[in-house]
Amino acid sequence: MGKDQDFLQAVKDRDISHLQKLLAKAGKHSKTKLLGSSKRINIDYQDSDGMSALHQAALVGSLEMMGMLLEQGASVGLSDNKGMLALHYACWQGKAEPVHMLLQWRSPVSNQSYDGATPLHLACQHGHFDVANLLLLHNAVPAILNHENKTPLDLACEFGRYRFKMQAKEDNSE
């Protein structure tokens, strides 16, 4: 396996200590070529599906691995073969902390995958209310249509992903 692929494999294996070692080596060689190699280490290496280590870390929701990769310069704007960013995968999983981390690193919030889905579409379709609210607070566009001409709200309703908050009105009469 090549050095570039090692980042991705360490994340797939959820091997944080191996990832730390690889990133430490990459940090030492970030401005120079690897000894005996004609190329630099590519932290954004993508497999045959276009998945990078950051995509994979977002998919499994590992804040620690995501943080390490982002600190070493992993790109939040990198799309896989489906046009999905790491943010799409984090939203699909529905954990607010990884989504928040990617947003703090300025991940594009309303990018559409090749089927037209934004991260907000995925959060709404799967009923991840906290993630949807977080995206909206970061200016996600709720009116974007996917390729089926559906908004995130349409998907939430279609899949029964809604909840109502009833607030009791205070009785001001005496």
C-alpha atoms as a PDB file:
ATOM      1  CA  MET A   1       0.000   0.000   0.000  1.00  0.00           C
ATOM      2  CA  GLY A   2       1.304   3.463  -0.865  1.00  0.00           C
ATOM      3  CA  LYS A   3       1.985   6.165   1.671  1.00  0.00           C
ATOM      4  CA  ASP A   4      -0.984   8.194   0.417  1.00  0.00           C
ATOM      5  CA  GLN A   5      -3.348   5.275   0.909  1.00  0.00           C
ATOM      6  CA  ASP A   6      -2.102   4.710   4.454  1.00  0.00           C
ATOM      7  CA  PHE A   7      -4.003   7.754   5.770  1.00  0.00           C
ATOM      8  CA  LEU A   8      -7.253   6.432   4.401  1.00  0.00           C
ATOM      9  CA  GLN A   9      -6.644   2.896   5.641  1.00  0.00           C
ATOM     10  CA  ALA A  10      -5.766   4.081   9.156  1.00  0.00           C
ATOM     11  CA  VAL A  11      -9.084   5.952   9.332  1.00  0.00           C
ATOM     12  CA  LYS A  12     -11.030   2.980   7.929  1.00  0.00           C
ATOM     13  CA  ASP A  13      -9.391   0.781  10.574  1.00  0.00           C
ATOM     14  CA  ARG A  14     -10.133   3.452  13.208  1.00  0.00           C
ATOM     15  CA  ASP A  15      -6.472   3.176  14.197  1.00  0.00           C
ATOM     16  CA  ILE A  16      -5.821   6.543  15.811  1.00  0.00           C
ATOM     17  CA  SER A  17      -2.271   5.737  16.946  1.00  0.00           C
ATOM     18  CA  HIS A  18      -1.241   4.688  13.416  1.00  0.00           C
ATOM     19  CA  LEU A  19      -2.854   7.819  11.978  1.00  0.00           C
ATOM     20  CA  GLN A  20      -0.929   9.951  14.492  1.00  0.00           C
ATOM     21  CA  LYS A  21       2.345   8.315  13.401  1.00  0.00           C
ATOM     22  CA  LEU A  22       1.559   8.866   9.721  1.00  0.00           C
ATOM     23  CA  LEU A  23       0.634  12.494  10.305  1.00  0.00           C
ATOM     24  CA  ALA A  24       3.794  13.064  12.354  1.00  0.00           C
ATOM     25  CA  LYS A  25       5.857  11.738   9.431  1.00  0.00           C
ATOM     26  CA  ALA A  26       3.877  13.855   6.974  1.00  0.00           C
ATOM     27  CA  GLY A  27       4.452  16.935   9.118  1.00  0.00           C
ATOM     28  CA  LYS A  28       8.213  16.388   9.011  1.00  0.00           C
ATOM     29  CA  HIS A  29       8.145  16.049   5.241  1.00  0.00           C
ATOM     30  CA  SER A  30       5.423  18.525   4.399  1.00  0.00           C
ATOM     31  CA  LYS A  31       7.779  20.928   2.617  1.00  0.00           C
ATOM     32  CA  THR A  32      10.138  18.326   1.248  1.00  0.00           C
ATOM     33  CA  LYS A  33       9.854  15.115  -0.664  1.00  0.00           C
ATOM     34  CA  LEU A  34       9.920  11.800   1.130  1.00  0.00           C
ATOM     35  CA  LEU A  35      13.314  10.122   1.094  1.00  0.00           C
ATOM     36  CA  GLY A  36      13.519   7.783  -1.858  1.00  0.00           C
ATOM     37  CA  SER A  37      10.262   9.095  -3.264  1.00  0.00           C
ATOM     38  CA  SER A  38       9.494  11.413  -6.132  1.00  0.00           C
ATOM     39  CA  LYS A  39       6.296  12.755  -4.612  1.00  0.00           C
ATOM     40  CA  ARG A  40       4.944  14.313  -1.463  1.00  0.00           C
ATOM     41  CA  ILE A  41       2.446  12.667   0.848  1.00  0.00           C
ATOM     42  CA  ASN A  42      -1.095  13.493  -0.249  1.00  0.00           C
ATOM     43  CA  ILE A  43      -3.385  13.823   2.777  1.00  0.00           C
ATOM     44  CA  ASP A  44      -6.303  14.265   0.360  1.00  0.00           C
ATOM     45  CA  TYR A  45      -5.674  10.965  -1.425  1.00  0.00           C
ATOM     46  CA  GLN A  46      -8.958   9.535  -2.736  1.00  0.00           C
ATOM     47  CA  ASP A  47      -9.782   5.869  -3.270  1.00  0.00           C
ATOM     48  CA  SER A  48     -11.636   4.506  -6.298  1.00  0.00           C
ATOM     49  CA  ASP A  49     -14.906   5.878  -4.854  1.00  0.00           C
ATOM     50  CA  GLY A  50     -13.370   9.294  -4.325  1.00  0.00           C
ATOM     51  CA  MET A  51     -13.354   8.876  -0.546  1.00  0.00           C
ATOM     52  CA  SER A  52     -10.581  10.672   1.304  1.00  0.00           C
ATOM     53  CA  ALA A  53      -9.464  10.087   4.881  1.00  0.00           C
ATOM     54  CA  LEU A  54     -11.544  13.103   5.943  1.00  0.00           C
ATOM     55  CA  HIS A  55     -14.642  11.714   4.205  1.00  0.00           C
ATOM     56  CA  GLN A  56     -14.128   8.430   6.045  1.00  0.00           C
ATOM     57  CA  ALA A  57     -13.513  10.112   9.424  1.00  0.00           C
ATOM     58  CA  ALA A  58     -16.705  12.168   8.984  1.00  0.00           C
ATOM     59  CA  LEU A  59     -18.632   9.034   8.047  1.00  0.00           C
ATOM     60  CA  VAL A  60     -17.611   7.309  11.285  1.00  0.00           C
ATOM     61  CA  GLY A  61     -17.982  10.542  13.268  1.00  0.00           C
ATOM     62  CA  SER A  62     -14.490  10.538  14.758  1.00  0.00           C
ATOM     63  CA  LEU A  63     -13.778  14.029  16.064  1.00  0.00           C
ATOM     64  CA  GLU A  64     -10.240  13.083  17.009  1.00  0.00           C
ATOM     65  CA  MET A  65      -9.313  11.789  13.559  1.00  0.00           C
ATOM     66  CA  MET A  66     -11.102  14.649  11.820  1.00  0.00           C
ATOM     67  CA  GLY A  67      -9.233  17.178  13.950  1.00  0.00           C
ATOM     68  CA  MET A  68      -5.876  15.577  13.199  1.00  0.00           C
ATOM     69  CA  LEU A  69      -6.550  15.518   9.460  1.00  0.00           C
ATOM     70  CA  LEU A  70      -7.843  19.078   9.361  1.00  0.00           C
ATOM     71  CA  GLU A  71      -4.833  20.349  11.321  1.00  0.00           C
ATOM     72  CA  GLN A  72      -2.597  18.755   8.687  1.00  0.00           C
ATOM     73  CA  GLY A  73      -4.436  20.495   5.861  1.00  0.00           C
ATOM     74  CA  ALA A  74      -7.091  18.024   4.709  1.00  0.00           C
ATOM     75  CA  SER A  75      -9.512  19.784   2.362  1.00  0.00           C
ATOM     76  CA  VAL A  76     -13.116  20.300   3.498  1.00  0.00           C
ATOM     77  CA  GLY A  77     -14.076  21.181  -0.084  1.00  0.00           C
ATOM     78  CA  LEU A  78     -13.053  17.864  -1.632  1.00  0.00           C
ATOM     79  CA  SER A  79     -15.886  15.934  -3.351  1.00  0.00           C
ATOM     80  CA  ASP A  80     -16.059  12.179  -3.788  1.00  0.00           C
ATOM     81  CA  ASN A  81     -17.366  10.368  -6.888  1.00  0.00           C
ATOM     82  CA  LYS A  82     -20.950  11.164  -5.812  1.00  0.00           C
ATOM     83  CA  GLY A  83     -20.156  14.856  -5.424  1.00  0.00           C
ATOM     84  CA  MET A  84     -20.390  14.557  -1.649  1.00  0.00           C
ATOM     85  CA  LEU A  85     -18.212  16.462   0.799  1.00  0.00           C
ATOM     86  CA  ALA A  86     -17.159  15.212   4.210  1.00  0.00           C
ATOM     87  CA  LEU A  87     -19.963  17.455   5.515  1.00  0.00           C
ATOM     88  CA  HIS A  88     -22.550  15.423   3.583  1.00  0.00           C
ATOM     89  CA  TYR A  89     -21.390  12.255   5.349  1.00  0.00           C
ATOM     90  CA  ALA A  90     -21.331  13.906   8.769  1.00  0.00           C
ATOM     91  CA  CYS A  91     -24.880  15.193   8.241  1.00  0.00           C
ATOM     92  CA  TRP A  92     -26.074  11.807   7.030  1.00  0.00           C
ATOM     93  CA  GLN A  93     -24.720  10.260  10.248  1.00  0.00           C
ATOM     94  CA  GLY A  94     -26.477  12.929  12.303  1.00  0.00           C
ATOM     95  CA  LYS A  95     -23.862  13.742  14.921  1.00  0.00           C
ATOM     96  CA  ALA A  96     -23.739  17.471  15.587  1.00  0.00           C
ATOM     97  CA  GLU A  97     -20.125  17.666  16.802  1.00  0.00           C
ATOM     98  CA  PRO A  98     -18.471  16.465  13.558  1.00  0.00           C
ATOM     99  CA  VAL A  99     -20.789  18.741  11.562  1.00  0.00           C
ATOM    100  CA  HIS A 100     -19.879  21.683  13.773  1.00  0.00           C
ATOM    101  CA  MET A 101     -16.157  20.947  13.376  1.00  0.00           C
ATOM    102  CA  LEU A 102     -16.396  20.883   9.583  1.00  0.00           C
ATOM    103  CA  LEU A 103     -18.387  24.112   9.595  1.00  0.00           C
ATOM    104  CA  GLN A 104     -15.757  25.739  11.817  1.00  0.00           C
ATOM    105  CA  TRP A 105     -13.162  24.746   9.194  1.00  0.00           C
ATOM    106  CA  ARG A 106     -15.354  26.540   6.623  1.00  0.00           C
ATOM    107  CA  SER A 107     -16.799  23.576   4.794  1.00  0.00           C
ATOM    108  CA  PRO A 108     -19.168  24.688   2.041  1.00  0.00           C
ATOM    109  CA  VAL A 109     -22.609  24.387   3.644  1.00  0.00           C
ATOM    110  CA  SER A 110     -24.953  24.220   0.658  1.00  0.00           C
ATOM    111  CA  ASN A 111     -22.952  22.301  -1.962  1.00  0.00           C
ATOM    112  CA  GLN A 112     -25.048  19.821  -3.898  1.00  0.00           C
ATOM    113  CA  SER A 113     -23.997  16.264  -4.595  1.00  0.00           C
ATOM    114  CA  TYR A 114     -24.506  14.879  -8.081  1.00  0.00           C
ATOM    115  CA  ASP A 115     -28.065  13.870  -7.163  1.00  0.00           C
ATOM    116  CA  GLY A 116     -28.736  17.406  -5.972  1.00  0.00           C
ATOM    117  CA  ALA A 117     -28.661  16.696  -2.238  1.00  0.00           C
ATOM    118  CA  THR A 118     -27.221  19.295   0.095  1.00  0.00           C
ATOM    119  CA  PRO A 119     -26.065  18.419   3.614  1.00  0.00           C
ATOM    120  CA  LEU A 120     -29.381  19.907   4.782  1.00  0.00           C
ATOM    121  CA  HIS A 121     -31.323  17.483   2.542  1.00  0.00           C
ATOM    122  CA  LEU A 122     -29.538  14.560   4.215  1.00  0.00           C
ATOM    123  CA  ALA A 123     -30.048  15.865   7.744  1.00  0.00           C
ATOM    124  CA  CYS A 124     -33.757  16.475   7.143  1.00  0.00           C
ATOM    125  CA  GLN A 125     -34.382  13.209   5.331  1.00  0.00           C
ATOM    126  CA  HIS A 126     -32.903  11.253   8.231  1.00  0.00           C
ATOM    127  CA  GLY A 127     -34.514  13.291  11.002  1.00  0.00           C
ATOM    128  CA  HIS A 128     -31.347  14.828  12.435  1.00  0.00           C
ATOM    129  CA  PHE A 129     -32.966  17.948  13.889  1.00  0.00           C
ATOM    130  CA  ASP A 130     -29.932  19.278  15.754  1.00  0.00           C
ATOM    131  CA  VAL A 131     -27.768  18.936  12.657  1.00  0.00           C
ATOM    132  CA  ALA A 132     -30.392  20.646  10.496  1.00  0.00           C
ATOM    133  CA  ASN A 133     -30.598  23.539  12.973  1.00  0.00           C
ATOM    134  CA  LEU A 134     -26.817  23.829  13.031  1.00  0.00           C
ATOM    135  CA  LEU A 135     -26.688  23.977   9.227  1.00  0.00           C
ATOM    136  CA  LEU A 136     -29.379  26.629   9.152  1.00  0.00           C
ATOM    137  CA  LEU A 137     -27.465  28.681  11.723  1.00  0.00           C
ATOM    138  CA  HIS A 138     -24.510  28.519   9.311  1.00  0.00           C
ATOM    139  CA  ASN A 139     -26.635  29.853   6.451  1.00  0.00           C
ATOM    140  CA  ALA A 140     -27.562  26.623   4.689  1.00  0.00           C
ATOM    141  CA  VAL A 141     -30.072  27.411   1.952  1.00  0.00           C
ATOM    142  CA  PRO A 142     -33.349  25.586   2.724  1.00  0.00           C
ATOM    143  CA  ALA A 143     -34.953  26.286  -0.662  1.00  0.00           C
ATOM    144  CA  ILE A 144     -32.483  24.319  -2.817  1.00  0.00           C
ATOM    145  CA  LEU A 145     -34.168  21.586  -4.843  1.00  0.00           C
ATOM    146  CA  ASN A 146     -32.583  18.181  -5.374  1.00  0.00           C
ATOM    147  CA  HIS A 147     -32.930  16.348  -8.703  1.00  0.00           C
ATOM    148  CA  GLU A 148     -36.390  15.158  -7.669  1.00  0.00           C
ATOM    149  CA  ASN A 149     -37.415  18.799  -7.185  1.00  0.00           C
ATOM    150  CA  LYS A 150     -37.651  18.380  -3.415  1.00  0.00           C
ATOM    151  CA  THR A 151     -36.489  20.741  -0.700  1.00  0.00           C
ATOM    152  CA  PRO A 152     -35.085  19.505   2.594  1.00  0.00           C
ATOM    153  CA  LEU A 153     -38.504  20.190   4.176  1.00  0.00           C
ATOM    154  CA  ASP A 154     -40.188  18.068   1.482  1.00  0.00           C
ATOM    155  CA  LEU A 155     -37.906  15.160   2.393  1.00  0.00           C
ATOM    156  CA  ALA A 156     -38.504  15.576   6.117  1.00  0.00           C
ATOM    157  CA  CYS A 157     -42.254  15.388   5.547  1.00  0.00           C
ATOM    158  CA  GLU A 158     -42.019  12.535   3.042  1.00  0.00           C
ATOM    159  CA  PHE A 159     -40.015  10.402   5.461  1.00  0.00           C
ATOM    160  CA  GLY A 160     -42.043  11.372   8.540  1.00  0.00           C
ATOM    161  CA  ARG A 161     -39.162  13.289  10.075  1.00  0.00           C
ATOM    162  CA  TYR A 162     -40.877  16.088  11.861  1.00  0.00           C
ATOM    163  CA  ARG A 163     -41.677  17.075  15.373  1.00  0.00           C
ATOM    164  CA  PHE A 164     -43.647  19.878  16.837  1.00  0.00           C
ATOM    165  CA  LYS A 165     -42.844  21.913  19.870  1.00  0.00           C
ATOM    166  CA  MET A 166     -45.943  23.097  21.622  1.00  0.00           C
ATOM    167  CA  GLN A 167     -45.461  26.051  23.876  1.00  0.00           C
ATOM    168  CA  ALA A 168     -48.057  26.759  26.478  1.00  0.00           C
ATOM    169  CA  LYS A 169     -49.370  30.268  26.345  1.00  0.00           C
ATOM    170  CA  GLU A 170     -49.227  32.083  29.604  1.00  0.00           C
ATOM    171  CA  ASP A 171     -52.602  33.136  30.877  1.00  0.00           C
ATOM    172  CA  ASN A 172     -52.309  36.858  31.460  1.00  0.00           C
ATOM    173  CA  SER A 173     -55.874  37.263  32.620  1.00  0.00           C
ATOM    174  CA  GLU A 174     -56.633  37.560  36.267  1.00  0.00           C
END
